[in-house]
N, C-alpha and C. Protein backbone atom coordinates (compact mmCIF):
# COMPACT_ATOMS: atom_id res chain seq x y z
N MET A 1 0.78 -1.24 0.21
CA MET A 1 -0.01 0.07 0.02
C MET A 1 0.91 1.47 0.00
N ALA A 2 0.54 2.24 -0.78
CA ALA A 2 1.08 3.49 -0.95
C ALA A 2 1.09 4.39 0.56
N GLN A 3 2.25 4.68 0.90
CA GLN A 3 2.18 5.65 2.05
C GLN A 3 2.30 7.28 1.84
N PRO A 4 1.41 7.88 1.76
CA PRO A 4 1.54 9.48 1.63
C PRO A 4 2.76 10.01 2.90
N ALA A 5 3.81 10.87 2.04
CA ALA A 5 4.91 11.10 2.60
C ALA A 5 4.56 12.75 2.95
N ALA A 6 4.13 13.46 2.02
CA ALA A 6 4.08 14.87 2.00
C ALA A 6 3.00 15.33 1.37
N ASP A 7 2.53 16.39 1.54
CA ASP A 7 1.39 17.14 1.10
C ASP A 7 2.16 18.44 0.54
N GLY A 8 2.25 18.39 -0.62
CA GLY A 8 2.85 19.76 -1.38
C GLY A 8 1.86 20.57 -2.30
N GLY A 9 0.84 20.17 -2.23
CA GLY A 9 -0.40 21.15 -2.70
C GLY A 9 -0.43 20.48 -4.23
N GLY A 10 -0.29 19.30 -4.30
CA GLY A 10 0.07 18.76 -5.90
C GLY A 10 -1.42 18.91 -6.67
N GLY A 11 -2.52 19.28 -5.83
CA GLY A 11 -3.95 19.49 -6.62
C GLY A 11 -4.45 18.23 -6.96
N GLY A 12 -4.09 17.11 -6.45
CA GLY A 12 -4.53 15.63 -6.61
C GLY A 12 -3.70 15.03 -7.31
N LEU A 13 -2.61 15.31 -7.75
CA LEU A 13 -1.60 14.46 -8.45
C LEU A 13 -0.61 13.95 -7.41
N MET A 14 -0.25 12.74 -7.66
CA MET A 14 0.72 12.15 -6.97
C MET A 14 2.24 11.70 -7.59
N LEU A 15 3.20 11.96 -7.12
CA LEU A 15 4.41 11.57 -7.51
C LEU A 15 5.03 10.00 -6.71
N CYS A 16 4.75 9.00 -7.50
CA CYS A 16 4.94 7.74 -6.99
C CYS A 16 6.08 7.11 -6.87
N ILE A 17 6.91 6.65 -5.87
CA ILE A 17 7.93 5.97 -5.87
C ILE A 17 8.11 5.07 -5.67
N ALA A 18 8.32 3.75 -6.40
CA ALA A 18 8.64 2.40 -6.38
C ALA A 18 9.75 1.83 -5.90
N SER A 19 9.99 1.30 -4.89
CA SER A 19 11.47 0.56 -4.79
C SER A 19 11.14 -0.79 -3.73
N ALA A 20 12.52 -1.25 -3.92
CA ALA A 20 12.37 -2.55 -2.90
C ALA A 20 11.68 -2.10 -1.54
N ALA A 21 11.81 -1.00 -1.12
CA ALA A 21 11.07 -0.48 0.17
C ALA A 21 9.73 -0.42 0.12
N GLY A 22 9.05 -0.56 -1.05
CA GLY A 22 7.83 -0.07 -1.00
C GLY A 22 7.28 1.09 -1.98
N VAL A 23 6.06 1.55 -1.83
CA VAL A 23 5.76 2.50 -2.68
C VAL A 23 5.47 3.75 -1.57
N THR A 24 6.32 5.19 -1.95
CA THR A 24 5.77 6.18 -1.11
C THR A 24 5.10 7.12 -2.32
N ALA A 25 4.01 7.75 -1.72
CA ALA A 25 3.34 8.67 -2.47
C ALA A 25 3.38 9.98 -2.00
N LEU A 26 3.97 11.00 -2.89
CA LEU A 26 4.03 12.71 -2.29
C LEU A 26 3.22 13.26 -3.34
N ALA A 27 2.34 14.16 -2.81
CA ALA A 27 1.33 15.03 -3.22
C ALA A 27 1.92 16.20 -3.49
N VAL A 28 2.67 16.27 -4.77
CA VAL A 28 3.62 17.30 -5.33
C VAL A 28 3.15 17.65 -6.60
N SER A 29 3.38 18.85 -7.05
CA SER A 29 3.04 19.11 -8.48
C SER A 29 4.67 19.11 -9.18
N SER A 30 5.65 19.27 -8.32
CA SER A 30 7.08 19.34 -9.08
C SER A 30 8.34 18.56 -8.35
N PHE A 31 9.22 18.52 -8.98
CA PHE A 31 10.65 18.08 -7.83
C PHE A 31 11.68 18.05 -8.57
N SER A 32 12.60 17.97 -8.03
CA SER A 32 14.00 17.96 -8.57
C SER A 32 14.95 16.67 -8.24
N LEU A 33 15.64 16.40 -9.35
CA LEU A 33 16.43 14.94 -9.47
C LEU A 33 18.08 15.42 -9.43
N SER A 34 18.56 14.90 -8.59
CA SER A 34 20.06 15.48 -8.75
C SER A 34 21.08 14.21 -8.41
N TRP A 35 22.17 14.01 -8.88
CA TRP A 35 23.28 12.99 -8.76
C TRP A 35 24.43 13.29 -9.40
N THR A 36 25.33 12.58 -9.02
CA THR A 36 26.85 12.94 -9.67
C THR A 36 27.19 12.16 -10.70
N HIS A 37 27.66 12.64 -11.74
CA HIS A 37 27.88 11.91 -13.13
C HIS A 37 29.03 10.83 -12.99
N SER A 38 28.84 9.91 -13.25
CA SER A 38 29.64 8.43 -13.14
C SER A 38 31.27 8.65 -13.66
N VAL A 39 31.29 9.77 -14.59
CA VAL A 39 32.88 9.76 -15.27
C VAL A 39 33.22 11.05 -14.91
N GLU A 40 32.58 12.01 -15.18
CA GLU A 40 32.97 13.51 -14.98
C GLU A 40 33.05 13.93 -13.42
N HIS A 41 32.31 13.21 -12.68
CA HIS A 41 31.92 13.56 -11.05
C HIS A 41 31.72 15.06 -10.95
N THR A 42 30.66 15.41 -11.91
CA THR A 42 30.39 16.61 -11.57
C THR A 42 28.75 16.22 -11.53
N ARG A 43 28.07 17.54 -10.51
CA ARG A 43 26.65 17.31 -10.27
C ARG A 43 25.78 17.66 -11.35
N TRP A 44 24.76 16.90 -11.52
CA TRP A 44 23.59 17.19 -12.57
C TRP A 44 22.38 17.42 -11.68
N GLU A 45 21.49 18.13 -12.29
CA GLU A 45 20.15 18.37 -11.38
C GLU A 45 19.24 18.61 -12.49
N GLU A 46 18.05 17.79 -12.46
CA GLU A 46 16.92 17.81 -13.29
C GLU A 46 15.81 18.40 -12.52
N HIS A 47 14.76 19.47 -13.18
CA HIS A 47 13.75 19.83 -12.62
C HIS A 47 12.40 19.22 -13.35
N TRP A 48 11.43 18.55 -12.49
CA TRP A 48 10.33 17.91 -13.13
C TRP A 48 8.86 18.72 -12.66
N GLN A 49 8.16 18.36 -13.53
CA GLN A 49 6.88 18.62 -13.28
C GLN A 49 5.99 17.35 -13.44
N VAL A 50 4.99 17.13 -12.22
CA VAL A 50 4.16 16.04 -12.31
C VAL A 50 2.99 16.65 -12.86
N GLU A 51 2.45 15.90 -13.90
CA GLU A 51 1.26 15.90 -15.12
C GLU A 51 0.42 14.57 -14.64
N GLU A 52 -0.76 14.80 -15.04
CA GLU A 52 -2.02 13.64 -15.01
C GLU A 52 -1.14 12.53 -15.90
N ARG A 53 -0.87 11.60 -14.77
CA ARG A 53 -0.32 10.26 -15.45
C ARG A 53 1.10 10.47 -16.11
N ALA A 54 1.95 11.58 -15.98
CA ALA A 54 3.16 11.52 -16.60
C ALA A 54 4.05 12.44 -15.94
N LEU A 55 5.46 12.53 -16.28
CA LEU A 55 6.46 13.38 -15.74
C LEU A 55 7.06 14.03 -16.82
N GLN A 56 6.95 15.67 -16.64
CA GLN A 56 7.55 16.20 -17.69
C GLN A 56 8.95 16.83 -17.17
N LEU A 57 9.93 16.41 -18.02
CA LEU A 57 11.41 17.08 -17.80
C LEU A 57 11.32 18.53 -18.05
N VAL A 58 11.38 19.54 -17.23
CA VAL A 58 11.37 21.18 -17.53
C VAL A 58 12.88 21.68 -17.91
N SER A 59 13.97 21.39 -16.82
CA SER A 59 15.00 21.89 -17.36
C SER A 59 16.08 21.03 -16.56
N ALA A 60 17.63 20.99 -16.96
CA ALA A 60 18.60 20.36 -16.26
C ALA A 60 19.60 21.46 -16.27
N THR A 61 20.56 21.08 -15.38
CA THR A 61 21.69 21.65 -15.10
C THR A 61 23.07 20.81 -14.64
N VAL A 62 24.03 21.23 -15.36
CA VAL A 62 25.11 20.43 -15.37
C VAL A 62 26.17 21.22 -15.05
N GLU A 63 27.24 20.98 -14.13
CA GLU A 63 28.23 21.59 -13.84
C GLU A 63 29.61 21.79 -15.08
N GLY A 64 29.49 20.80 -15.71
CA GLY A 64 30.44 20.80 -16.96
C GLY A 64 30.00 19.97 -17.95
N SER A 65 30.91 19.98 -19.08
CA SER A 65 30.54 19.15 -20.14
C SER A 65 31.74 17.94 -20.11
N GLY A 66 31.68 17.15 -20.80
CA GLY A 66 32.63 15.92 -20.96
C GLY A 66 31.88 14.53 -21.41
N ALA A 67 32.77 13.52 -20.73
CA ALA A 67 32.39 11.92 -21.18
C ALA A 67 30.94 12.28 -20.95
N GLY A 68 30.00 11.71 -22.00
CA GLY A 68 28.61 11.39 -21.95
C GLY A 68 27.65 12.43 -21.27
N ILE A 69 28.38 13.84 -21.65
CA ILE A 69 27.55 14.87 -21.33
C ILE A 69 27.33 16.00 -22.68
N ASP A 70 26.50 15.88 -23.37
CA ASP A 70 26.49 16.74 -24.62
C ASP A 70 25.47 17.62 -24.47
N LEU A 71 26.09 18.61 -24.24
CA LEU A 71 25.08 20.08 -23.85
C LEU A 71 24.64 20.35 -25.59
N PRO A 72 23.33 20.82 -25.33
CA PRO A 72 22.53 21.34 -26.58
C PRO A 72 23.12 22.88 -26.91
N PRO A 73 22.73 23.16 -28.14
CA PRO A 73 23.13 24.57 -28.37
C PRO A 73 22.65 25.67 -27.67
N ASP A 74 21.48 25.46 -27.04
CA ASP A 74 20.71 26.46 -26.22
C ASP A 74 20.86 26.34 -24.75
N ALA A 75 22.22 25.57 -24.27
CA ALA A 75 22.64 25.34 -22.97
C ALA A 75 23.30 27.10 -22.61
N ARG A 76 23.04 27.43 -21.52
CA ARG A 76 23.47 28.69 -21.24
C ARG A 76 24.00 28.61 -19.72
N TRP A 77 25.28 29.26 -19.71
CA TRP A 77 25.94 29.17 -17.98
C TRP A 77 25.34 30.08 -17.27
N VAL A 78 24.67 29.57 -15.98
CA VAL A 78 23.93 30.28 -15.14
C VAL A 78 24.35 29.50 -13.78
N ASP A 79 24.77 30.69 -12.95
CA ASP A 79 25.21 30.11 -11.57
C ASP A 79 25.81 28.87 -11.52
N GLY A 80 26.98 28.52 -12.06
CA GLY A 80 28.08 27.68 -11.89
C GLY A 80 27.50 26.38 -12.77
N GLY A 81 26.65 26.39 -13.87
CA GLY A 81 26.50 25.22 -14.38
C GLY A 81 25.67 25.65 -15.68
N TRP A 82 25.63 24.68 -16.34
CA TRP A 82 25.09 24.75 -17.81
C TRP A 82 23.57 24.49 -17.85
N THR A 83 22.68 25.15 -18.08
CA THR A 83 21.52 24.92 -17.97
C THR A 83 20.49 25.00 -19.07
N TYR A 84 19.79 23.95 -19.49
CA TYR A 84 19.10 24.03 -20.45
C TYR A 84 17.58 23.28 -20.54
N SER A 85 16.66 23.45 -21.67
CA SER A 85 15.29 22.76 -21.52
C SER A 85 15.53 21.78 -22.37
N PRO A 86 15.58 20.50 -22.11
CA PRO A 86 15.40 18.94 -22.80
C PRO A 86 13.97 19.31 -23.45
N HIS A 87 14.07 18.91 -25.02
CA HIS A 87 13.01 18.29 -25.49
C HIS A 87 12.55 17.19 -25.79
N LEU A 88 11.86 16.70 -24.52
CA LEU A 88 11.47 15.61 -24.50
C LEU A 88 9.93 15.32 -23.99
N PRO A 89 9.25 14.15 -24.63
CA PRO A 89 7.75 14.44 -24.51
C PRO A 89 7.36 13.88 -22.80
N PRO A 90 6.40 14.23 -22.25
CA PRO A 90 6.08 13.76 -20.93
C PRO A 90 6.38 12.02 -21.05
N LEU A 91 6.77 11.73 -20.12
CA LEU A 91 7.22 10.42 -19.79
C LEU A 91 6.31 9.60 -18.93
N PRO A 92 5.73 8.43 -18.94
CA PRO A 92 4.86 7.58 -18.24
C PRO A 92 5.46 7.33 -16.66
N SER A 93 6.82 7.16 -16.88
CA SER A 93 7.72 6.75 -15.70
C SER A 93 9.10 7.16 -16.16
N VAL A 94 10.11 6.95 -14.89
CA VAL A 94 11.27 7.17 -14.99
C VAL A 94 12.07 6.27 -14.16
N ARG A 95 12.74 5.26 -14.80
CA ARG A 95 13.43 4.16 -14.07
C ARG A 95 14.80 4.71 -13.66
N LEU A 96 14.96 4.63 -12.45
CA LEU A 96 16.40 4.93 -11.76
C LEU A 96 16.91 3.40 -11.37
N ALA A 97 18.48 3.24 -11.60
CA ALA A 97 18.87 2.07 -11.50
C ALA A 97 20.31 2.34 -11.00
N ALA A 98 20.77 2.18 -9.84
CA ALA A 98 22.06 2.50 -9.43
C ALA A 98 23.32 1.63 -9.81
N SER A 99 24.42 2.27 -10.46
CA SER A 99 25.41 1.38 -11.11
C SER A 99 26.42 1.23 -9.87
N GLY A 100 26.65 2.17 -9.01
CA GLY A 100 27.60 2.14 -7.84
C GLY A 100 28.73 2.88 -8.28
N ALA A 101 28.89 3.41 -9.52
CA ALA A 101 30.23 4.26 -9.88
C ALA A 101 30.04 5.48 -9.68
N THR A 102 29.09 6.11 -8.87
CA THR A 102 29.17 7.41 -8.64
C THR A 102 29.33 7.85 -6.94
N GLY A 103 29.49 6.67 -6.29
CA GLY A 103 29.62 6.65 -4.99
C GLY A 103 28.09 7.07 -4.26
N GLY A 104 27.30 7.26 -4.95
CA GLY A 104 25.83 7.52 -4.46
C GLY A 104 25.05 7.25 -5.41
N GLY A 105 23.63 7.62 -4.95
CA GLY A 105 22.35 7.48 -5.88
C GLY A 105 21.82 8.69 -6.29
N TRP A 106 20.61 9.05 -6.05
CA TRP A 106 19.91 10.08 -6.47
C TRP A 106 19.48 10.80 -5.31
N ARG A 107 19.31 12.11 -5.41
CA ARG A 107 18.68 13.13 -4.47
C ARG A 107 17.52 13.64 -5.16
N LEU A 108 16.21 13.09 -4.65
CA LEU A 108 14.85 13.72 -4.72
C LEU A 108 14.41 14.72 -3.88
N CYS A 109 13.89 16.13 -4.29
CA CYS A 109 13.68 17.00 -3.20
C CYS A 109 12.28 17.60 -4.08
N THR A 110 11.28 18.02 -3.03
CA THR A 110 10.42 18.62 -3.18
C THR A 110 10.22 20.14 -2.28
N ASP A 111 9.44 20.86 -2.47
CA ASP A 111 9.37 21.88 -1.58
C ASP A 111 9.34 21.51 -0.14
N GLU A 112 8.97 20.29 -0.03
CA GLU A 112 8.35 19.87 1.39
C GLU A 112 9.86 18.69 1.90
N VAL A 113 10.36 17.99 1.10
CA VAL A 113 10.95 17.18 1.41
C VAL A 113 11.91 16.44 0.65
N CYS A 114 13.27 16.23 1.07
CA CYS A 114 14.13 15.40 0.20
C CYS A 114 14.43 14.19 0.72
N MET A 115 14.47 13.02 -0.19
CA MET A 115 15.10 11.82 0.01
C MET A 115 16.46 11.16 -1.03
N ASP A 116 16.76 10.21 -0.40
CA ASP A 116 17.82 9.67 -1.21
C ASP A 116 17.56 8.58 -1.79
N LEU A 117 17.90 8.15 -3.07
CA LEU A 117 17.27 6.99 -3.66
C LEU A 117 18.51 6.32 -4.38
N GLY A 118 18.50 5.00 -4.35
CA GLY A 118 19.92 4.13 -5.10
C GLY A 118 20.79 4.14 -4.46
N GLN A 119 21.00 4.22 -3.18
CA GLN A 119 22.57 4.76 -2.74
C GLN A 119 23.47 3.29 -2.76
N GLU A 120 22.78 2.40 -2.94
CA GLU A 120 23.80 1.11 -3.21
C GLU A 120 23.67 0.56 -4.40
N PRO A 121 24.92 0.07 -5.14
CA PRO A 121 24.54 -0.59 -6.26
C PRO A 121 23.55 -1.72 -6.43
N GLY A 122 22.71 -1.65 -7.63
CA GLY A 122 21.82 -2.52 -7.96
C GLY A 122 20.34 -1.97 -7.49
N GLU A 123 20.41 -1.13 -6.73
CA GLU A 123 19.03 -0.51 -6.13
C GLU A 123 18.25 0.08 -7.12
N GLU A 124 17.10 -0.09 -7.46
CA GLU A 124 16.37 0.48 -8.29
C GLU A 124 15.08 1.35 -7.98
N ALA A 125 14.53 2.22 -8.40
CA ALA A 125 13.40 2.82 -8.21
C ALA A 125 12.47 3.52 -9.33
N THR A 126 11.21 3.36 -9.61
CA THR A 126 10.56 3.73 -10.51
C THR A 126 10.00 5.11 -10.09
N LEU A 127 9.79 5.97 -10.75
CA LEU A 127 9.16 7.37 -10.31
C LEU A 127 7.92 7.45 -11.41
N SER A 128 6.65 7.90 -11.16
CA SER A 128 5.68 7.80 -12.05
C SER A 128 4.61 8.79 -11.49
N ALA A 129 3.64 9.15 -12.22
CA ALA A 129 2.66 10.06 -11.65
C ALA A 129 1.27 9.54 -11.86
N ALA A 130 0.18 9.75 -11.09
CA ALA A 130 -0.98 9.37 -10.98
C ALA A 130 -1.87 9.92 -10.06
N PRO A 131 -3.22 9.74 -10.16
CA PRO A 131 -4.21 10.36 -9.27
C PRO A 131 -4.01 9.67 -8.03
N ASN A 132 -3.55 8.43 -7.91
CA ASN A 132 -3.25 7.77 -6.62
C ASN A 132 -2.03 6.65 -6.87
N CYS A 133 -1.44 6.38 -5.92
CA CYS A 133 -0.28 5.11 -6.15
C CYS A 133 -0.74 3.65 -6.13
N GLU A 134 -1.74 3.37 -5.85
CA GLU A 134 -2.26 2.17 -6.14
C GLU A 134 -1.63 1.42 -7.40
N GLY A 135 -0.97 0.26 -7.08
CA GLY A 135 -0.40 -0.61 -8.51
C GLY A 135 0.89 0.09 -8.79
N ALA A 136 1.35 1.13 -8.21
CA ALA A 136 2.85 1.60 -8.30
C ALA A 136 3.71 0.43 -8.37
N ALA A 137 4.04 -0.24 -7.57
CA ALA A 137 4.80 -1.32 -7.21
C ALA A 137 4.74 -2.18 -8.38
N ASP A 138 3.69 -2.41 -9.12
CA ASP A 138 3.61 -3.57 -10.15
C ASP A 138 4.12 -2.83 -11.46
N ARG A 139 4.53 -1.40 -11.58
CA ARG A 139 4.95 -0.76 -12.72
C ARG A 139 6.33 -0.39 -12.45
N ARG A 140 6.82 -1.11 -11.78
CA ARG A 140 8.31 -1.18 -11.46
C ARG A 140 9.35 -2.35 -12.57
């Protein structure tokens, strides 16, 4: 069963986080996801909107370019990082799988709470949006 963790004023939308520990439901309209790039060891941060049954990547910021980091032509240097707006359609889910190569996993933050995901190699988590998170564990 999904456990509500925070009420961020999501207007009935839920961010569902399914992992081996179970399902966490966050009533939010947006969140950020950050991590350390496994090769360049630079910080990467993405900002997401929670839409009805989809997640929309709004912007991304990375501290530098290099191996596996191809910056688009519209990337601009802002406050110590390259910021740009990825041109991706809304996604039904986002799967996070920890490689163990970064020394840590992902940091997911909302206006109300931050949590660490995928801290150990092999740990997985799936993010999705729904009116409720029943069945989110089945979407992993």
